[in-house]
Amino acid sequence: MKVIVDLCVVPIGVGVNLAPYIAACERVLHKAGLHVQLHPNGTAIEGDWGSVFEAIRECHEVVHAMGTPRIYTTVKINTRTDRDQTMAEKVESVEALLASGGD
């Protein structure tokens, strides 16, 4: 099953600079061959259900291996059975409405 996920991994107990931990997780996601889009509060991920959730597990393993004693993660999951839809298509549909001034 194809899935679009919004992932936010928050290492706890490592101070306020989280960039090295987020970068490590991003490397895992890219290595997994997933389509990802980093944004200020997390990462949007598009791919097969199993691949996406395996990569999320690997993110936890990598961030823990960096010395993080605790991780708090939020995951928003979007699936469809009526058609395949990409992250880009979701954004483009809203942008088209904004450009046309329509609803």
PDB file of N, CA and C in Angstrom:
ATOM      1  N   MET A   1       0.848  -1.174   0.000  1.00  0.00           N
ATOM      2  CA  MET A   1       0.000   0.000   0.000  1.00  0.00           C
ATOM      3  C   MET A   1       0.893   1.237   0.000  1.00  0.00           C
ATOM      4  N   LYS A   2       0.560   2.188  -0.854  1.00  0.00           N
ATOM      5  CA  LYS A   2       1.283   3.445  -0.898  1.00  0.00           C
ATOM      6  C   LYS A   2       0.822   4.331   0.250  1.00  0.00           C
ATOM      7  N   VAL A   3       1.766   5.089   0.810  1.00  0.00           N
ATOM      8  CA  VAL A   3       1.460   5.933   1.956  1.00  0.00           C
ATOM      9  C   VAL A   3       2.206   7.257   1.836  1.00  0.00           C
ATOM     10  N   ILE A   4       1.578   8.297   2.313  1.00  0.00           N
ATOM     11  CA  ILE A   4       2.235   9.587   2.499  1.00  0.00           C
ATOM     12  C   ILE A   4       2.208   9.855   4.002  1.00  0.00           C
ATOM     13  N   VAL A   5       3.387  10.100   4.554  1.00  0.00           N
ATOM     14  CA  VAL A   5       3.540  10.248   6.000  1.00  0.00           C
ATOM     15  C   VAL A   5       4.191  11.591   6.300  1.00  0.00           C
ATOM     16  N   ASP A   6       3.740  12.228   7.360  1.00  0.00           N
ATOM     17  CA  ASP A   6       4.427  13.391   7.901  1.00  0.00           C
ATOM     18  C   ASP A   6       5.086  12.931   9.195  1.00  0.00           C
ATOM     19  N   LEU A   7       6.408  13.005   9.232  1.00  0.00           N
ATOM     20  CA  LEU A   7       7.195  12.475  10.343  1.00  0.00           C
ATOM     21  C   LEU A   7       7.898  13.602  11.080  1.00  0.00           C
ATOM     22  N   CYS A   8       7.832  13.552  12.399  1.00  0.00           N
ATOM     23  CA  CYS A   8       8.576  14.484  13.241  1.00  0.00           C
ATOM     24  C   CYS A   8       9.249  13.690  14.352  1.00  0.00           C
ATOM     25  N   VAL A   9      10.569  13.598  14.284  1.00  0.00           N
ATOM     26  CA  VAL A   9      11.368  12.866  15.261  1.00  0.00           C
ATOM     27  C   VAL A   9      12.023  13.890  16.185  1.00  0.00           C
ATOM     28  N   VAL A  10      11.770  13.769  17.484  1.00  0.00           N
ATOM     29  CA  VAL A  10      12.311  14.723  18.456  1.00  0.00           C
ATOM     30  C   VAL A  10      13.183  13.979  19.463  1.00  0.00           C
ATOM     31  N   PRO A  11      14.504  14.116  19.336  1.00  0.00           N
ATOM     32  CA  PRO A  11      15.396  13.524  20.327  1.00  0.00           C
ATOM     33  C   PRO A  11      15.259  14.272  21.660  1.00  0.00           C
ATOM     34  N   ILE A  12      15.206  13.549  22.745  1.00  0.00           N
ATOM     35  CA  ILE A  12      15.068  14.168  24.068  1.00  0.00           C
ATOM     36  C   ILE A  12      16.302  13.819  24.897  1.00  0.00           C
ATOM     37  N   GLY A  13      16.809  14.831  25.590  1.00  0.00           N
ATOM     38  CA  GLY A  13      17.960  14.626  26.454  1.00  0.00           C
ATOM     39  C   GLY A  13      19.289  14.902  25.771  1.00  0.00           C
ATOM     40  N   VAL A  14      19.235  15.648  24.643  1.00  0.00           N
ATOM     41  CA  VAL A  14      20.462  15.917  23.886  1.00  0.00           C
ATOM     42  C   VAL A  14      20.740  17.407  23.712  1.00  0.00           C
ATOM     43  N   GLY A  15      19.997  18.255  24.383  1.00  0.00           N
ATOM     44  CA  GLY A  15      20.186  19.693  24.228  1.00  0.00           C
ATOM     45  C   GLY A  15      19.207  20.263  23.219  1.00  0.00           C
ATOM     46  N   VAL A  16      19.476  21.489  22.795  1.00  0.00           N
ATOM     47  CA  VAL A  16      18.531  22.189  21.927  1.00  0.00           C
ATOM     48  C   VAL A  16      18.877  22.110  20.442  1.00  0.00           C
ATOM     49  N   ASN A  17      20.108  21.788  20.083  1.00  0.00           N
ATOM     50  CA  ASN A  17      20.486  21.676  18.679  1.00  0.00           C
ATOM     51  C   ASN A  17      20.168  20.272  18.179  1.00  0.00           C
ATOM     52  N   LEU A  18      19.088  20.152  17.448  1.00  0.00           N
ATOM     53  CA  LEU A  18      18.639  18.850  16.975  1.00  0.00           C
ATOM     54  C   LEU A  18      19.076  18.547  15.548  1.00  0.00           C
ATOM     55  N   ALA A  19      19.671  19.507  14.861  1.00  0.00           N
ATOM     56  CA  ALA A  19      20.022  19.351  13.448  1.00  0.00           C
ATOM     57  C   ALA A  19      20.848  18.096  13.150  1.00  0.00           C
ATOM     58  N   PRO A  20      21.870  17.754  13.949  1.00  0.00           N
ATOM     59  CA  PRO A  20      22.638  16.546  13.620  1.00  0.00           C
ATOM     60  C   PRO A  20      21.794  15.265  13.652  1.00  0.00           C
ATOM     61  N   TYR A  21      20.833  15.207  14.537  1.00  0.00           N
ATOM     62  CA  TYR A  21      19.971  14.030  14.662  1.00  0.00           C
ATOM     63  C   TYR A  21      18.984  13.960  13.500  1.00  0.00           C
ATOM     64  N   ILE A  22      18.449  15.112  13.135  1.00  0.00           N
ATOM     65  CA  ILE A  22      17.514  15.163  12.017  1.00  0.00           C
ATOM     66  C   ILE A  22      18.247  14.822  10.722  1.00  0.00           C
ATOM     67  N   ALA A  23      19.466  15.331  10.566  1.00  0.00           N
ATOM     68  CA  ALA A  23      20.257  15.011   9.374  1.00  0.00           C
ATOM     69  C   ALA A  23      20.526  13.515   9.287  1.00  0.00           C
ATOM     70  N   ALA A  24      20.807  12.887  10.411  1.00  0.00           N
ATOM     71  CA  ALA A  24      21.051  11.442  10.425  1.00  0.00           C
ATOM     72  C   ALA A  24      19.800  10.685   9.976  1.00  0.00           C
ATOM     73  N   CYS A  25      18.655  11.118  10.435  1.00  0.00           N
ATOM     74  CA  CYS A  25      17.394  10.482  10.044  1.00  0.00           C
ATOM     75  C   CYS A  25      17.129  10.725   8.554  1.00  0.00           C
ATOM     76  N   GLU A  26      17.393  11.922   8.068  1.00  0.00           N
ATOM     77  CA  GLU A  26      17.208  12.223   6.645  1.00  0.00           C
ATOM     78  C   GLU A  26      18.074  11.308   5.785  1.00  0.00           C
ATOM     79  N   ARG A  27      19.292  11.039   6.236  1.00  0.00           N
ATOM     80  CA  ARG A  27      20.176  10.133   5.490  1.00  0.00           C
ATOM     81  C   ARG A  27      19.559   8.738   5.393  1.00  0.00           C
ATOM     82  N   VAL A  28      18.965   8.285   6.475  1.00  0.00           N
ATOM     83  CA  VAL A  28      18.298   6.976   6.481  1.00  0.00           C
ATOM     84  C   VAL A  28      17.170   6.959   5.451  1.00  0.00           C
ATOM     85  N   LEU A  29      16.352   8.001   5.440  1.00  0.00           N
ATOM     86  CA  LEU A  29      15.212   8.065   4.531  1.00  0.00           C
ATOM     87  C   LEU A  29      15.665   8.084   3.075  1.00  0.00           C
ATOM     88  N   HIS A  30      16.705   8.862   2.783  1.00  0.00           N
ATOM     89  CA  HIS A  30      17.227   8.927   1.418  1.00  0.00           C
ATOM     90  C   HIS A  30      17.835   7.584   1.006  1.00  0.00           C
ATOM     91  N   LYS A  31      18.589   6.967   1.922  1.00  0.00           N
ATOM     92  CA  LYS A  31      19.208   5.669   1.641  1.00  0.00           C
ATOM     93  C   LYS A  31      18.147   4.611   1.328  1.00  0.00           C
ATOM     94  N   ALA A  32      16.982   4.742   1.945  1.00  0.00           N
ATOM     95  CA  ALA A  32      15.885   3.802   1.720  1.00  0.00           C
ATOM     96  C   ALA A  32      15.219   4.016   0.359  1.00  0.00           C
ATOM     97  N   GLY A  33      15.605   5.087  -0.333  1.00  0.00           N
ATOM     98  CA  GLY A  33      15.050   5.355  -1.654  1.00  0.00           C
ATOM     99  C   GLY A  33      13.665   5.962  -1.636  1.00  0.00           C
ATOM    100  N   LEU A  34      13.316   6.565  -0.518  1.00  0.00           N
ATOM    101  CA  LEU A  34      11.991   7.166  -0.384  1.00  0.00           C
ATOM    102  C   LEU A  34      12.003   8.589  -0.917  1.00  0.00           C
ATOM    103  N   HIS A  35      10.849   9.036  -1.390  1.00  0.00           N
ATOM    104  CA  HIS A  35      10.709  10.442  -1.795  1.00  0.00           C
ATOM    105  C   HIS A  35      10.419  11.229  -0.529  1.00  0.00           C
ATOM    106  N   VAL A  36      11.300  12.159  -0.187  1.00  0.00           N
ATOM    107  CA  VAL A  36      11.146  12.918   1.051  1.00  0.00           C
ATOM    108  C   VAL A  36      11.188  14.409   0.778  1.00  0.00           C
ATOM    109  N   GLN A  37      10.519  15.159   1.634  1.00  0.00           N
ATOM    110  CA  GLN A  37      10.513  16.614   1.549  1.00  0.00           C
ATOM    111  C   GLN A  37      10.661  17.159   2.962  1.00  0.00           C
ATOM    112  N   LEU A  38      11.857  17.628   3.275  1.00  0.00           N
ATOM    113  CA  LEU A  38      12.124  18.218   4.581  1.00  0.00           C
ATOM    114  C   LEU A  38      11.395  19.547   4.694  1.00  0.00           C
ATOM    115  N   HIS A  39      10.781  19.790   5.828  1.00  0.00           N
ATOM    116  CA  HIS A  39      10.145  21.082   6.087  1.00  0.00           C
ATOM    117  C   HIS A  39      10.516  21.508   7.511  1.00  0.00           C
ATOM    118  N   PRO A  40      10.195  22.717   7.920  1.00  0.00           N
ATOM    119  CA  PRO A  40      10.694  23.229   9.201  1.00  0.00           C
ATOM    120  C   PRO A  40      10.308  22.411  10.430  1.00  0.00           C
ATOM    121  N   ASN A  41       9.213  21.666  10.379  1.00  0.00           N
ATOM    122  CA  ASN A  41       8.762  20.925  11.550  1.00  0.00           C
ATOM    123  C   ASN A  41       8.719  19.428  11.339  1.00  0.00           C
ATOM    124  N   GLY A  42       9.437  18.927  10.351  1.00  0.00           N
ATOM    125  CA  GLY A  42       9.445  17.498  10.103  1.00  0.00           C
ATOM    126  C   GLY A  42       9.800  17.169   8.675  1.00  0.00           C
ATOM    127  N   THR A  43       9.367  15.983   8.251  1.00  0.00           N
ATOM    128  CA  THR A  43       9.652  15.499   6.906  1.00  0.00           C
ATOM    129  C   THR A  43       8.426  14.797   6.352  1.00  0.00           C
ATOM    130  N   ALA A  44       8.046  15.158   5.134  1.00  0.00           N
ATOM    131  CA  ALA A  44       7.001  14.435   4.423  1.00  0.00           C
ATOM    132  C   ALA A  44       7.689  13.298   3.671  1.00  0.00           C
ATOM    133  N   ILE A  45       7.080  12.119   3.726  1.00  0.00           N
ATOM    134  CA  ILE A  45       7.659  10.929   3.112  1.00  0.00           C
ATOM    135  C   ILE A  45       6.597  10.255   2.253  1.00  0.00           C
ATOM    136  N   GLU A  46       6.999   9.817   1.072  1.00  0.00           N
ATOM    137  CA  GLU A  46       6.090   9.120   0.172  1.00  0.00           C
ATOM    138  C   GLU A  46       6.730   7.789  -0.211  1.00  0.00           C
ATOM    139  N   GLY A  47       5.967   6.709  -0.110  1.00  0.00           N
ATOM    140  CA  GLY A  47       6.501   5.411  -0.496  1.00  0.00           C
ATOM    141  C   GLY A  47       5.578   4.279  -0.117  1.00  0.00           C
ATOM    142  N   ASP A  48       6.103   3.080  -0.226  1.00  0.00           N
ATOM    143  CA  ASP A  48       5.372   1.881   0.150  1.00  0.00           C
ATOM    144  C   ASP A  48       5.306   1.790   1.676  1.00  0.00           C
ATOM    145  N   TRP A  49       4.173   1.357   2.197  1.00  0.00           N
ATOM    146  CA  TRP A  49       3.951   1.280   3.648  1.00  0.00           C
ATOM    147  C   TRP A  49       5.121   0.620   4.367  1.00  0.00           C
ATOM    148  N   GLY A  50       5.487  -0.562   3.940  1.00  0.00           N
ATOM    149  CA  GLY A  50       6.550  -1.309   4.614  1.00  0.00           C
ATOM    150  C   GLY A  50       7.876  -0.589   4.582  1.00  0.00           C
ATOM    151  N   SER A  51       8.229  -0.032   3.443  1.00  0.00           N
ATOM    152  CA  SER A  51       9.500   0.687   3.310  1.00  0.00           C
ATOM    153  C   SER A  51       9.545   1.928   4.185  1.00  0.00           C
ATOM    154  N   VAL A  52       8.438   2.662   4.223  1.00  0.00           N
ATOM    155  CA  VAL A  52       8.381   3.889   5.024  1.00  0.00           C
ATOM    156  C   VAL A  52       8.523   3.560   6.508  1.00  0.00           C
ATOM    157  N   PHE A  53       7.784   2.580   6.988  1.00  0.00           N
ATOM    158  CA  PHE A  53       7.826   2.294   8.422  1.00  0.00           C
ATOM    159  C   PHE A  53       9.103   1.580   8.843  1.00  0.00           C
ATOM    160  N   GLU A  54       9.708   0.836   7.937  1.00  0.00           N
ATOM    161  CA  GLU A  54      11.029   0.261   8.213  1.00  0.00           C
ATOM    162  C   GLU A  54      12.057   1.388   8.348  1.00  0.00           C
ATOM    163  N   ALA A  55      11.972   2.393   7.482  1.00  0.00           N
ATOM    164  CA  ALA A  55      12.898   3.527   7.551  1.00  0.00           C
ATOM    165  C   ALA A  55      12.689   4.332   8.837  1.00  0.00           C
ATOM    166  N   ILE A  56      11.450   4.479   9.273  1.00  0.00           N
ATOM    167  CA  ILE A  56      11.187   5.190  10.527  1.00  0.00           C
ATOM    168  C   ILE A  56      11.830   4.428  11.692  1.00  0.00           C
ATOM    169  N   ARG A  57      11.703   3.108  11.692  1.00  0.00           N
ATOM    170  CA  ARG A  57      12.359   2.297  12.724  1.00  0.00           C
ATOM    171  C   ARG A  57      13.872   2.507  12.685  1.00  0.00           C
ATOM    172  N   GLU A  58      14.445   2.522  11.479  1.00  0.00           N
ATOM    173  CA  GLU A  58      15.880   2.737  11.335  1.00  0.00           C
ATOM    174  C   GLU A  58      16.291   4.132  11.816  1.00  0.00           C
ATOM    175  N   CYS A  59      15.434   5.124  11.594  1.00  0.00           N
ATOM    176  CA  CYS A  59      15.710   6.471  12.123  1.00  0.00           C
ATOM    177  C   CYS A  59      15.864   6.411  13.636  1.00  0.00           C
ATOM    178  N   HIS A  60      14.960   5.713  14.287  1.00  0.00           N
ATOM    179  CA  HIS A  60      15.044   5.582  15.742  1.00  0.00           C
ATOM    180  C   HIS A  60      16.345   4.896  16.149  1.00  0.00           C
ATOM    181  N   GLU A  61      16.697   3.833  15.454  1.00  0.00           N
ATOM    182  CA  GLU A  61      17.930   3.117  15.796  1.00  0.00           C
ATOM    183  C   GLU A  61      19.155   4.008  15.643  1.00  0.00           C
ATOM    184  N   VAL A  62      19.216   4.764  14.550  1.00  0.00           N
ATOM    185  CA  VAL A  62      20.364   5.641  14.295  1.00  0.00           C
ATOM    186  C   VAL A  62      20.441   6.756  15.334  1.00  0.00           C
ATOM    187  N   VAL A  63      19.310   7.369  15.628  1.00  0.00           N
ATOM    188  CA  VAL A  63      19.305   8.481  16.586  1.00  0.00           C
ATOM    189  C   VAL A  63      19.626   7.970  17.994  1.00  0.00           C
ATOM    190  N   HIS A  64      19.134   6.820  18.371  1.00  0.00           N
ATOM    191  CA  HIS A  64      19.521   6.238  19.662  1.00  0.00           C
ATOM    192  C   HIS A  64      21.014   5.928  19.693  1.00  0.00           C
ATOM    193  N   ALA A  65      21.552   5.416  18.587  1.00  0.00           N
ATOM    194  CA  ALA A  65      22.982   5.085  18.516  1.00  0.00           C
ATOM    195  C   ALA A  65      23.861   6.329  18.660  1.00  0.00           C
ATOM    196  N   MET A  66      23.290   7.499  18.409  1.00  0.00           N
ATOM    197  CA  MET A  66      24.024   8.758  18.568  1.00  0.00           C
ATOM    198  C   MET A  66      24.045   9.214  20.028  1.00  0.00           C
ATOM    199  N   GLY A  67      23.463   8.411  20.912  1.00  0.00           N
ATOM    200  CA  GLY A  67      23.473   8.739  22.329  1.00  0.00           C
ATOM    201  C   GLY A  67      22.192   9.342  22.863  1.00  0.00           C
ATOM    202  N   THR A  68      21.152   9.335  22.056  1.00  0.00           N
ATOM    203  CA  THR A  68      19.872   9.888  22.488  1.00  0.00           C
ATOM    204  C   THR A  68      19.161   8.884  23.395  1.00  0.00           C
ATOM    205  N   PRO A  69      18.896   9.266  24.653  1.00  0.00           N
ATOM    206  CA  PRO A  69      18.260   8.320  25.560  1.00  0.00           C
ATOM    207  C   PRO A  69      16.762   8.131  25.296  1.00  0.00           C
ATOM    208  N   ARG A  70      16.132   9.139  24.680  1.00  0.00           N
ATOM    209  CA  ARG A  70      14.683   9.075  24.471  1.00  0.00           C
ATOM    210  C   ARG A  70      14.336   9.804  23.184  1.00  0.00           C
ATOM    211  N   ILE A  71      13.335   9.293  22.479  1.00  0.00           N
ATOM    212  CA  ILE A  71      12.859   9.926  21.246  1.00  0.00           C
ATOM    213  C   ILE A  71      11.343  10.004  21.305  1.00  0.00           C
ATOM    214  N   TYR A  72      10.814  11.174  20.972  1.00  0.00           N
ATOM    215  CA  TYR A  72       9.371  11.352  20.849  1.00  0.00           C
ATOM    216  C   TYR A  72       9.081  11.598  19.372  1.00  0.00           C
ATOM    217  N   THR A  73       8.248  10.761  18.780  1.00  0.00           N
ATOM    218  CA  THR A  73       7.963  10.843  17.351  1.00  0.00           C
ATOM    219  C   THR A  73       6.473  10.961  17.104  1.00  0.00           C
ATOM    220  N   THR A  74       6.114  11.869  16.194  1.00  0.00           N
ATOM    221  CA  THR A  74       4.735  11.937  15.730  1.00  0.00           C
ATOM    222  C   THR A  74       4.709  11.527  14.262  1.00  0.00           C
ATOM    223  N   VAL A  75       3.671  10.803  13.899  1.00  0.00           N
ATOM    224  CA  VAL A  75       3.502  10.324  12.529  1.00  0.00           C
ATOM    225  C   VAL A  75       2.061  10.577  12.109  1.00  0.00           C
ATOM    226  N   LYS A  76       1.891  11.288  11.015  1.00  0.00           N
ATOM    227  CA  LYS A  76       0.569  11.447  10.403  1.00  0.00           C
ATOM    228  C   LYS A  76       0.578  10.593   9.141  1.00  0.00           C
ATOM    229  N   ILE A  77      -0.459   9.792   8.942  1.00  0.00           N
ATOM    230  CA  ILE A  77      -0.498   8.831   7.851  1.00  0.00           C
ATOM    231  C   ILE A  77      -1.663   9.144   6.917  1.00  0.00           C
ATOM    232  N   ASN A  78      -1.368   9.153   5.616  1.00  0.00           N
ATOM    233  CA  ASN A  78      -2.389   9.401   4.604  1.00  0.00           C
ATOM    234  C   ASN A  78      -2.333   8.269   3.579  1.00  0.00           C
ATOM    235  N   THR A  79      -3.437   7.535   3.430  1.00  0.00           N
ATOM    236  CA  THR A  79      -3.535   6.504   2.401  1.00  0.00           C
ATOM    237  C   THR A  79      -4.815   6.712   1.608  1.00  0.00           C
ATOM    238  N   ARG A  80      -4.803   6.218   0.370  1.00  0.00           N
ATOM    239  CA  ARG A  80      -5.991   6.266  -0.480  1.00  0.00           C
ATOM    240  C   ARG A  80      -6.142   4.929  -1.173  1.00  0.00           C
ATOM    241  N   THR A  81      -7.382   4.514  -1.391  1.00  0.00           N
ATOM    242  CA  THR A  81      -7.629   3.300  -2.155  1.00  0.00           C
ATOM    243  C   THR A  81      -8.257   3.596  -3.506  1.00  0.00           C
ATOM    244  N   ASP A  82      -8.738   4.829  -3.709  1.00  0.00           N
ATOM    245  CA  ASP A  82      -9.416   5.163  -4.960  1.00  0.00           C
ATOM    246  C   ASP A  82      -8.444   5.513  -6.083  1.00  0.00           C
ATOM    247  N   ARG A  83      -7.231   5.990  -5.744  1.00  0.00           N
ATOM    248  CA  ARG A  83      -6.234   6.313  -6.762  1.00  0.00           C
ATOM    249  C   ARG A  83      -4.897   6.576  -6.090  1.00  0.00           C
ATOM    250  N   ASP A  84      -3.844   6.535  -6.889  1.00  0.00           N
ATOM    251  CA  ASP A  84      -2.528   6.927  -6.393  1.00  0.00           C
ATOM    252  C   ASP A  84      -2.450   8.439  -6.414  1.00  0.00           C
ATOM    253  N   GLN A  85      -1.883   9.012  -5.374  1.00  0.00           N
ATOM    254  CA  GLN A  85      -1.722  10.458  -5.309  1.00  0.00           C
ATOM    255  C   GLN A  85      -0.360  10.741  -4.711  1.00  0.00           C
ATOM    256  N   THR A  86       0.370  11.667  -5.322  1.00  0.00           N
ATOM    257  CA  THR A  86       1.685  12.019  -4.822  1.00  0.00           C
ATOM    258  C   THR A  86       1.594  13.249  -3.929  1.00  0.00           C
ATOM    259  N   MET A  87       2.664  13.488  -3.191  1.00  0.00           N
ATOM    260  CA  MET A  87       2.733  14.700  -2.367  1.00  0.00           C
ATOM    261  C   MET A  87       2.628  15.928  -3.260  1.00  0.00           C
ATOM    262  N   ALA A  88       3.307  15.889  -4.401  1.00  0.00           N
ATOM    263  CA  ALA A  88       3.289  17.030  -5.319  1.00  0.00           C
ATOM    264  C   ALA A  88       1.883  17.316  -5.822  1.00  0.00           C
ATOM    265  N   GLU A  89       1.128  16.269  -6.144  1.00  0.00           N
ATOM    266  CA  GLU A  89      -0.244  16.465  -6.617  1.00  0.00           C
ATOM    267  C   GLU A  89      -1.118  17.103  -5.545  1.00  0.00           C
ATOM    268  N   LYS A  90      -0.917  16.700  -4.303  1.00  0.00           N
ATOM    269  CA  LYS A  90      -1.708  17.274  -3.213  1.00  0.00           C
ATOM    270  C   LYS A  90      -1.462  18.781  -3.099  1.00  0.00           C
ATOM    271  N   VAL A  91      -0.216  19.180  -3.198  1.00  0.00           N
ATOM    272  CA  VAL A  91       0.145  20.595  -3.098  1.00  0.00           C
ATOM    273  C   VAL A  91      -0.330  21.354  -4.337  1.00  0.00           C
ATOM    274  N   GLU A  92      -0.128  20.761  -5.516  1.00  0.00           N
ATOM    275  CA  GLU A  92      -0.519  21.422  -6.760  1.00  0.00           C
ATOM    276  C   GLU A  92      -2.012  21.707  -6.826  1.00  0.00           C
ATOM    277  N   SER A  93      -2.839  20.820  -6.287  1.00  0.00           N
ATOM    278  CA  SER A  93      -4.279  21.042  -6.340  1.00  0.00           C
ATOM    279  C   SER A  93      -4.684  22.272  -5.526  1.00  0.00           C
ATOM    280  N   VAL A  94      -4.040  22.477  -4.393  1.00  0.00           N
ATOM    281  CA  VAL A  94      -4.335  23.662  -3.574  1.00  0.00           C
ATOM    282  C   VAL A  94      -3.772  24.919  -4.240  1.00  0.00           C
ATOM    283  N   GLU A  95      -2.554  24.820  -4.768  1.00  0.00           N
ATOM    284  CA  GLU A  95      -1.948  25.973  -5.421  1.00  0.00           C
ATOM    285  C   GLU A  95      -2.762  26.417  -6.640  1.00  0.00           C
ATOM    286  N   ALA A  96      -3.330  25.470  -7.370  1.00  0.00           N
ATOM    287  CA  ALA A  96      -4.167  25.806  -8.523  1.00  0.00           C
ATOM    288  C   ALA A  96      -5.399  26.589  -8.097  1.00  0.00           C
ATOM    289  N   LEU A  97      -6.015  26.188  -6.998  1.00  0.00           N
ATOM    290  CA  LEU A  97      -7.174  26.919  -6.474  1.00  0.00           C
ATOM    291  C   LEU A  97      -6.787  28.326  -6.036  1.00  0.00           C
ATOM    292  N   LEU A  98      -5.644  28.440  -5.369  1.00  0.00           N
ATOM    293  CA  LEU A  98      -5.188  29.759  -4.943  1.00  0.00           C
ATOM    294  C   LEU A  98      -4.910  30.667  -6.130  1.00  0.00           C
ATOM    295  N   ALA A  99      -4.310  30.132  -7.176  1.00  0.00           N
ATOM    296  CA  ALA A  99      -3.983  30.913  -8.357  1.00  0.00           C
ATOM    297  C   ALA A  99      -5.229  31.362  -9.099  1.00  0.00           C
ATOM    298  N   SER A 100      -6.262  30.521  -9.096  1.00  0.00           N
ATOM    299  CA  SER A 100      -7.490  30.852  -9.835  1.00  0.00           C
ATOM    300  C   SER A 100      -8.442  31.696  -9.006  1.00  0.00           C
ATOM    301  N   GLY A 101      -8.189  31.779  -7.714  1.00  0.00           N
ATOM    302  CA  GLY A 101      -9.092  32.522  -6.848  1.00  0.00           C
ATOM    303  C   GLY A 101     -10.361  31.743  -6.534  1.00  0.00           C
ATOM    304  N   GLY A 102     -10.413  30.488  -6.940  1.00  0.00           N
ATOM    305  CA  GLY A 102     -11.617  29.660  -6.750  1.00  0.00           C
ATOM    306  C   GLY A 102     -11.583  28.888  -5.452  1.00  0.00           C
ATOM    307  N   ASP A 103     -12.635  28.110  -5.269  1.00  0.00           N
ATOM    308  CA  ASP A 103     -12.768  27.276  -4.072  1.00  0.00           C
ATOM    309  C   ASP A 103     -12.460  25.840  -4.392  1.00  0.00           C
TER     310      ASP A 103
END
